[in-house]
Amino acid sequence: MFRLSDLFILLAVGVSFIVSAYLWYSGHHEQGIFTAIWVPAILSFGIYFKLAALVARDRERDQ
């Protein structure tokens, strides 16, 4: 179900979200917003690499 790489991606998203919230509530609004943008970017890269791995696995299975 979940691989180690999936857990690392979720960990990176969680850390980015926590850092973003900390920056926002400590008065650094621009840095908090910038860091918040990382969350969907990290998730997008994770989805891309997950799909690339699935396609590669299907191609190996077909040969």
PDB file of N, CA and C in Angstrom:
ATOM      1  N   MET A   1       0.825  -1.180   0.000  1.00  0.00           N
ATOM      2  CA  MET A   1       0.000   0.000   0.000  1.00  0.00           C
ATOM      3  C   MET A   1       0.873   1.249   0.000  1.00  0.00           C
ATOM      4  N   PHE A   2       1.425   1.617   1.132  1.00  0.00           N
ATOM      5  CA  PHE A   2       2.328   2.767   1.197  1.00  0.00           C
ATOM      6  C   PHE A   2       3.765   2.281   1.166  1.00  0.00           C
ATOM      7  N   ARG A   3       4.552   2.919   0.316  1.00  0.00           N
ATOM      8  CA  ARG A   3       5.978   2.622   0.271  1.00  0.00           C
ATOM      9  C   ARG A   3       6.714   3.647   1.107  1.00  0.00           C
ATOM     10  N   LEU A   4       7.978   3.391   1.328  1.00  0.00           N
ATOM     11  CA  LEU A   4       8.791   4.307   2.116  1.00  0.00           C
ATOM     12  C   LEU A   4       8.887   5.673   1.441  1.00  0.00           C
ATOM     13  N   SER A   5       8.964   5.684   0.114  1.00  0.00           N
ATOM     14  CA  SER A   5       9.026   6.958  -0.612  1.00  0.00           C
ATOM     15  C   SER A   5       7.745   7.765  -0.417  1.00  0.00           C
ATOM     16  N   ASP A   6       6.600   7.097  -0.354  1.00  0.00           N
ATOM     17  CA  ASP A   6       5.332   7.796  -0.108  1.00  0.00           C
ATOM     18  C   ASP A   6       5.328   8.440   1.271  1.00  0.00           C
ATOM     19  N   LEU A   7       5.851   7.745   2.233  1.00  0.00           N
ATOM     20  CA  LEU A   7       5.901   8.291   3.582  1.00  0.00           C
ATOM     21  C   LEU A   7       6.842   9.488   3.668  1.00  0.00           C
ATOM     22  N   PHE A   8       7.949   9.443   2.927  1.00  0.00           N
ATOM     23  CA  PHE A   8       8.856  10.594   2.917  1.00  0.00           C
ATOM     24  C   PHE A   8       8.198  11.817   2.278  1.00  0.00           C
ATOM     25  N   ILE A   9       7.433  11.597   1.242  1.00  0.00           N
ATOM     26  CA  ILE A   9       6.733  12.715   0.599  1.00  0.00           C
ATOM     27  C   ILE A   9       5.701  13.302   1.553  1.00  0.00           C
ATOM     28  N   LEU A  10       4.937  12.453   2.219  1.00  0.00           N
ATOM     29  CA  LEU A  10       3.960  12.944   3.187  1.00  0.00           C
ATOM     30  C   LEU A  10       4.628  13.642   4.353  1.00  0.00           C
ATOM     31  N   LEU A  11       5.787  13.159   4.774  1.00  0.00           N
ATOM     32  CA  LEU A  11       6.538  13.816   5.836  1.00  0.00           C
ATOM     33  C   LEU A  11       6.999  15.203   5.394  1.00  0.00           C
ATOM     34  N   ALA A  12       7.480  15.314   4.153  1.00  0.00           N
ATOM     35  CA  ALA A  12       7.913  16.611   3.633  1.00  0.00           C
ATOM     36  C   ALA A  12       6.742  17.582   3.551  1.00  0.00           C
ATOM     37  N   VAL A  13       5.577  17.088   3.150  1.00  0.00           N
ATOM     38  CA  VAL A  13       4.382  17.938   3.094  1.00  0.00           C
ATOM     39  C   VAL A  13       3.999  18.398   4.489  1.00  0.00           C
ATOM     40  N   GLY A  14       4.027  17.501   5.445  1.00  0.00           N
ATOM     41  CA  GLY A  14       3.686  17.858   6.826  1.00  0.00           C
ATOM     42  C   GLY A  14       4.636  18.884   7.421  1.00  0.00           C
ATOM     43  N   VAL A  15       5.923  18.680   7.188  1.00  0.00           N
ATOM     44  CA  VAL A  15       6.915  19.629   7.695  1.00  0.00           C
ATOM     45  C   VAL A  15       6.728  20.991   7.042  1.00  0.00           C
ATOM     46  N   SER A  16       6.496  21.006   5.752  1.00  0.00           N
ATOM     47  CA  SER A  16       6.283  22.267   5.045  1.00  0.00           C
ATOM     48  C   SER A  16       5.049  22.985   5.582  1.00  0.00           C
ATOM     49  N   PHE A  17       3.991  22.255   5.849  1.00  0.00           N
ATOM     50  CA  PHE A  17       2.779  22.852   6.373  1.00  0.00           C
ATOM     51  C   PHE A  17       3.000  23.427   7.772  1.00  0.00           C
ATOM     52  N   ILE A  18       3.700  22.692   8.617  1.00  0.00           N
ATOM     53  CA  ILE A  18       3.964  23.156   9.980  1.00  0.00           C
ATOM     54  C   ILE A  18       4.854  24.396   9.966  1.00  0.00           C
ATOM     55  N   VAL A  19       5.889  24.384   9.139  1.00  0.00           N
ATOM     56  CA  VAL A  19       6.768  25.553   9.033  1.00  0.00           C
ATOM     57  C   VAL A  19       5.990  26.750   8.508  1.00  0.00           C
ATOM     58  N   SER A  20       5.123  26.515   7.544  1.00  0.00           N
ATOM     59  CA  SER A  20       4.311  27.594   6.991  1.00  0.00           C
ATOM     60  C   SER A  20       3.397  28.192   8.059  1.00  0.00           C
ATOM     61  N   ALA A  21       2.732  27.347   8.808  1.00  0.00           N
ATOM     62  CA  ALA A  21       1.850  27.843   9.871  1.00  0.00           C
ATOM     63  C   ALA A  21       2.646  28.595  10.934  1.00  0.00           C
ATOM     64  N   TYR A  22       3.805  28.084  11.293  1.00  0.00           N
ATOM     65  CA  TYR A  22       4.645  28.771  12.280  1.00  0.00           C
ATOM     66  C   TYR A  22       5.045  30.159  11.789  1.00  0.00           C
ATOM     67  N   LEU A  23       5.482  30.236  10.538  1.00  0.00           N
ATOM     68  CA  LEU A  23       5.890  31.526   9.990  1.00  0.00           C
ATOM     69  C   LEU A  23       4.713  32.494   9.926  1.00  0.00           C
ATOM     70  N   TRP A  24       3.547  32.001   9.522  1.00  0.00           N
ATOM     71  CA  TRP A  24       2.376  32.864   9.406  1.00  0.00           C
ATOM     72  C   TRP A  24       1.986  33.443  10.768  1.00  0.00           C
ATOM     73  N   TYR A  25       1.902  32.572  11.774  1.00  0.00           N
ATOM     74  CA  TYR A  25       1.440  33.024  13.078  1.00  0.00           C
ATOM     75  C   TYR A  25       2.512  33.750  13.887  1.00  0.00           C
ATOM     76  N   SER A  26       3.756  33.679  13.431  1.00  0.00           N
ATOM     77  CA  SER A  26       4.799  34.438  14.126  1.00  0.00           C
ATOM     78  C   SER A  26       5.003  35.816  13.497  1.00  0.00           C
ATOM     79  N   GLY A  27       4.169  36.157  12.518  1.00  0.00           N
ATOM     80  CA  GLY A  27       4.205  37.491  11.946  1.00  0.00           C
ATOM     81  C   GLY A  27       4.937  37.612  10.628  1.00  0.00           C
ATOM     82  N   HIS A  28       5.499  36.530  10.146  1.00  0.00           N
ATOM     83  CA  HIS A  28       6.209  36.529   8.858  1.00  0.00           C
ATOM     84  C   HIS A  28       5.259  36.030   7.773  1.00  0.00           C
ATOM     85  N   HIS A  29       4.302  36.877   7.411  1.00  0.00           N
ATOM     86  CA  HIS A  29       3.225  36.453   6.522  1.00  0.00           C
ATOM     87  C   HIS A  29       3.719  36.090   5.118  1.00  0.00           C
ATOM     88  N   GLU A  30       4.604  36.879   4.555  1.00  0.00           N
ATOM     89  CA  GLU A  30       5.072  36.586   3.191  1.00  0.00           C
ATOM     90  C   GLU A  30       5.862  35.288   3.132  1.00  0.00           C
ATOM     91  N   GLN A  31       6.719  35.056   4.121  1.00  0.00           N
ATOM     92  CA  GLN A  31       7.471  33.803   4.152  1.00  0.00           C
ATOM     93  C   GLN A  31       6.543  32.611   4.390  1.00  0.00           C
ATOM     94  N   GLY A  32       5.497  32.822   5.208  1.00  0.00           N
ATOM     95  CA  GLY A  32       4.529  31.756   5.449  1.00  0.00           C
ATOM     96  C   GLY A  32       3.772  31.376   4.199  1.00  0.00           C
ATOM     97  N   ILE A  33       3.377  32.384   3.414  1.00  0.00           N
ATOM     98  CA  ILE A  33       2.677  32.104   2.159  1.00  0.00           C
ATOM     99  C   ILE A  33       3.605  31.399   1.177  1.00  0.00           C
ATOM    100  N   PHE A  34       4.852  31.865   1.091  1.00  0.00           N
ATOM    101  CA  PHE A  34       5.815  31.231   0.194  1.00  0.00           C
ATOM    102  C   PHE A  34       6.025  29.767   0.554  1.00  0.00           C
ATOM    103  N   THR A  35       6.161  29.495   1.830  1.00  0.00           N
ATOM    104  CA  THR A  35       6.359  28.114   2.271  1.00  0.00           C
ATOM    105  C   THR A  35       5.089  27.286   2.065  1.00  0.00           C
ATOM    106  N   ALA A  36       3.925  27.903   2.176  1.00  0.00           N
ATOM    107  CA  ALA A  36       2.659  27.177   1.959  1.00  0.00           C
ATOM    108  C   ALA A  36       2.522  26.728   0.510  1.00  0.00           C
ATOM    109  N   ILE A  37       3.121  27.457  -0.405  1.00  0.00           N
ATOM    110  CA  ILE A  37       3.064  27.070  -1.818  1.00  0.00           C
ATOM    111  C   ILE A  37       3.812  25.759  -2.052  1.00  0.00           C
ATOM    112  N   TRP A  38       4.746  25.428  -1.180  1.00  0.00           N
ATOM    113  CA  TRP A  38       5.504  24.187  -1.335  1.00  0.00           C
ATOM    114  C   TRP A  38       4.626  22.949  -1.185  1.00  0.00           C
ATOM    115  N   VAL A  39       3.587  23.036  -0.381  1.00  0.00           N
ATOM    116  CA  VAL A  39       2.757  21.856  -0.096  1.00  0.00           C
ATOM    117  C   VAL A  39       2.173  21.254  -1.376  1.00  0.00           C
ATOM    118  N   PRO A  40       1.437  22.012  -2.203  1.00  0.00           N
ATOM    119  CA  PRO A  40       0.921  21.385  -3.431  1.00  0.00           C
ATOM    120  C   PRO A  40       2.023  21.019  -4.420  1.00  0.00           C
ATOM    121  N   ALA A  41       3.144  21.758  -4.394  1.00  0.00           N
ATOM    122  CA  ALA A  41       4.243  21.419  -5.302  1.00  0.00           C
ATOM    123  C   ALA A  41       4.850  20.067  -4.934  1.00  0.00           C
ATOM    124  N   ILE A  42       5.070  19.839  -3.653  1.00  0.00           N
ATOM    125  CA  ILE A  42       5.631  18.561  -3.205  1.00  0.00           C
ATOM    126  C   ILE A  42       4.665  17.422  -3.521  1.00  0.00           C
ATOM    127  N   LEU A  43       3.364  17.648  -3.275  1.00  0.00           N
ATOM    128  CA  LEU A  43       2.372  16.620  -3.595  1.00  0.00           C
ATOM    129  C   LEU A  43       2.337  16.325  -5.093  1.00  0.00           C
ATOM    130  N   SER A  44       2.456  17.363  -5.913  1.00  0.00           N
ATOM    131  CA  SER A  44       2.455  17.167  -7.363  1.00  0.00           C
ATOM    132  C   SER A  44       3.648  16.345  -7.822  1.00  0.00           C
ATOM    133  N   PHE A  45       4.828  16.662  -7.303  1.00  0.00           N
ATOM    134  CA  PHE A  45       6.003  15.863  -7.644  1.00  0.00           C
ATOM    135  C   PHE A  45       5.848  14.424  -7.174  1.00  0.00           C
ATOM    136  N   GLY A  46       5.295  14.240  -5.995  1.00  0.00           N
ATOM    137  CA  GLY A  46       5.071  12.887  -5.489  1.00  0.00           C
ATOM    138  C   GLY A  46       4.134  12.084  -6.363  1.00  0.00           C
ATOM    139  N   ILE A  47       3.049  12.715  -6.805  1.00  0.00           N
ATOM    140  CA  ILE A  47       2.099  12.039  -7.700  1.00  0.00           C
ATOM    141  C   ILE A  47       2.758  11.704  -9.023  1.00  0.00           C
ATOM    142  N   TYR A  48       3.530  12.657  -9.558  1.00  0.00           N
ATOM    143  CA  TYR A  48       4.214  12.414 -10.830  1.00  0.00           C
ATOM    144  C   TYR A  48       5.148  11.204 -10.736  1.00  0.00           C
ATOM    145  N   PHE A  49       5.986  11.170  -9.700  1.00  0.00           N
ATOM    146  CA  PHE A  49       6.934  10.064  -9.573  1.00  0.00           C
ATOM    147  C   PHE A  49       6.226   8.744  -9.287  1.00  0.00           C
ATOM    148  N   LYS A  50       5.117   8.786  -8.563  1.00  0.00           N
ATOM    149  CA  LYS A  50       4.347   7.569  -8.303  1.00  0.00           C
ATOM    150  C   LYS A  50       3.764   7.027  -9.612  1.00  0.00           C
ATOM    151  N   LEU A  51       3.200   7.914 -10.434  1.00  0.00           N
ATOM    152  CA  LEU A  51       2.647   7.477 -11.713  1.00  0.00           C
ATOM    153  C   LEU A  51       3.737   6.990 -12.664  1.00  0.00           C
ATOM    154  N   ALA A  52       4.877   7.642 -12.665  1.00  0.00           N
ATOM    155  CA  ALA A  52       5.987   7.205 -13.509  1.00  0.00           C
ATOM    156  C   ALA A  52       6.451   5.807 -13.104  1.00  0.00           C
ATOM    157  N   ALA A  53       6.494   5.532 -11.809  1.00  0.00           N
ATOM    158  CA  ALA A  53       6.894   4.207 -11.340  1.00  0.00           C
ATOM    159  C   ALA A  53       5.856   3.155 -11.736  1.00  0.00           C
ATOM    160  N   LEU A  54       4.568   3.503 -11.659  1.00  0.00           N
ATOM    161  CA  LEU A  54       3.522   2.558 -12.047  1.00  0.00           C
ATOM    162  C   LEU A  54       3.569   2.247 -13.536  1.00  0.00           C
ATOM    163  N   VAL A  55       3.800   3.260 -14.362  1.00  0.00           N
ATOM    164  CA  VAL A  55       3.902   3.049 -15.809  1.00  0.00           C
ATOM    165  C   VAL A  55       5.103   2.172 -16.127  1.00  0.00           C
ATOM    166  N   ALA A  56       6.232   2.435 -15.477  1.00  0.00           N
ATOM    167  CA  ALA A  56       7.429   1.625 -15.713  1.00  0.00           C
ATOM    168  C   ALA A  56       7.196   0.178 -15.286  1.00  0.00           C
ATOM    169  N   ARG A  57       6.507  -0.019 -14.176  1.00  0.00           N
ATOM    170  CA  ARG A  57       6.224  -1.372 -13.700  1.00  0.00           C
ATOM    171  C   ARG A  57       5.296  -2.100 -14.668  1.00  0.00           C
ATOM    172  N   ASP A  58       4.306  -1.403 -15.230  1.00  0.00           N
ATOM    173  CA  ASP A  58       3.391  -2.024 -16.192  1.00  0.00           C
ATOM    174  C   ASP A  58       4.119  -2.381 -17.482  1.00  0.00           C
ATOM    175  N   ARG A  59       5.039  -1.520 -17.912  1.00  0.00           N
ATOM    176  CA  ARG A  59       5.802  -1.827 -19.132  1.00  0.00           C
ATOM    177  C   ARG A  59       6.690  -3.034 -18.942  1.00  0.00           C
ATOM    178  N   GLU A  60       7.282  -3.185 -17.768  1.00  0.00           N
ATOM    179  CA  GLU A  60       8.120  -4.356 -17.495  1.00  0.00           C
ATOM    180  C   GLU A  60       7.269  -5.617 -17.470  1.00  0.00           C
ATOM    181  N   ARG A  61       6.073  -5.503 -16.940  1.00  0.00           N
ATOM    182  CA  ARG A  61       5.182  -6.658 -16.838  1.00  0.00           C
ATOM    183  C   ARG A  61       4.706  -7.109 -18.216  1.00  0.00           C
ATOM    184  N   ASP A  62       4.517  -6.159 -19.146  1.00  0.00           N
ATOM    185  CA  ASP A  62       4.039  -6.498 -20.490  1.00  0.00           C
ATOM    186  C   ASP A  62       5.119  -7.161 -21.340  1.00  0.00           C
ATOM    187  N   GLN A  63       6.371  -6.943 -21.043  1.00  0.00           N
ATOM    188  CA  GLN A  63       7.446  -7.500 -21.891  1.00  0.00           C
ATOM    189  C   GLN A  63       7.793  -8.890 -21.531  1.00  0.00           C
TER     190      GLN A  63
END
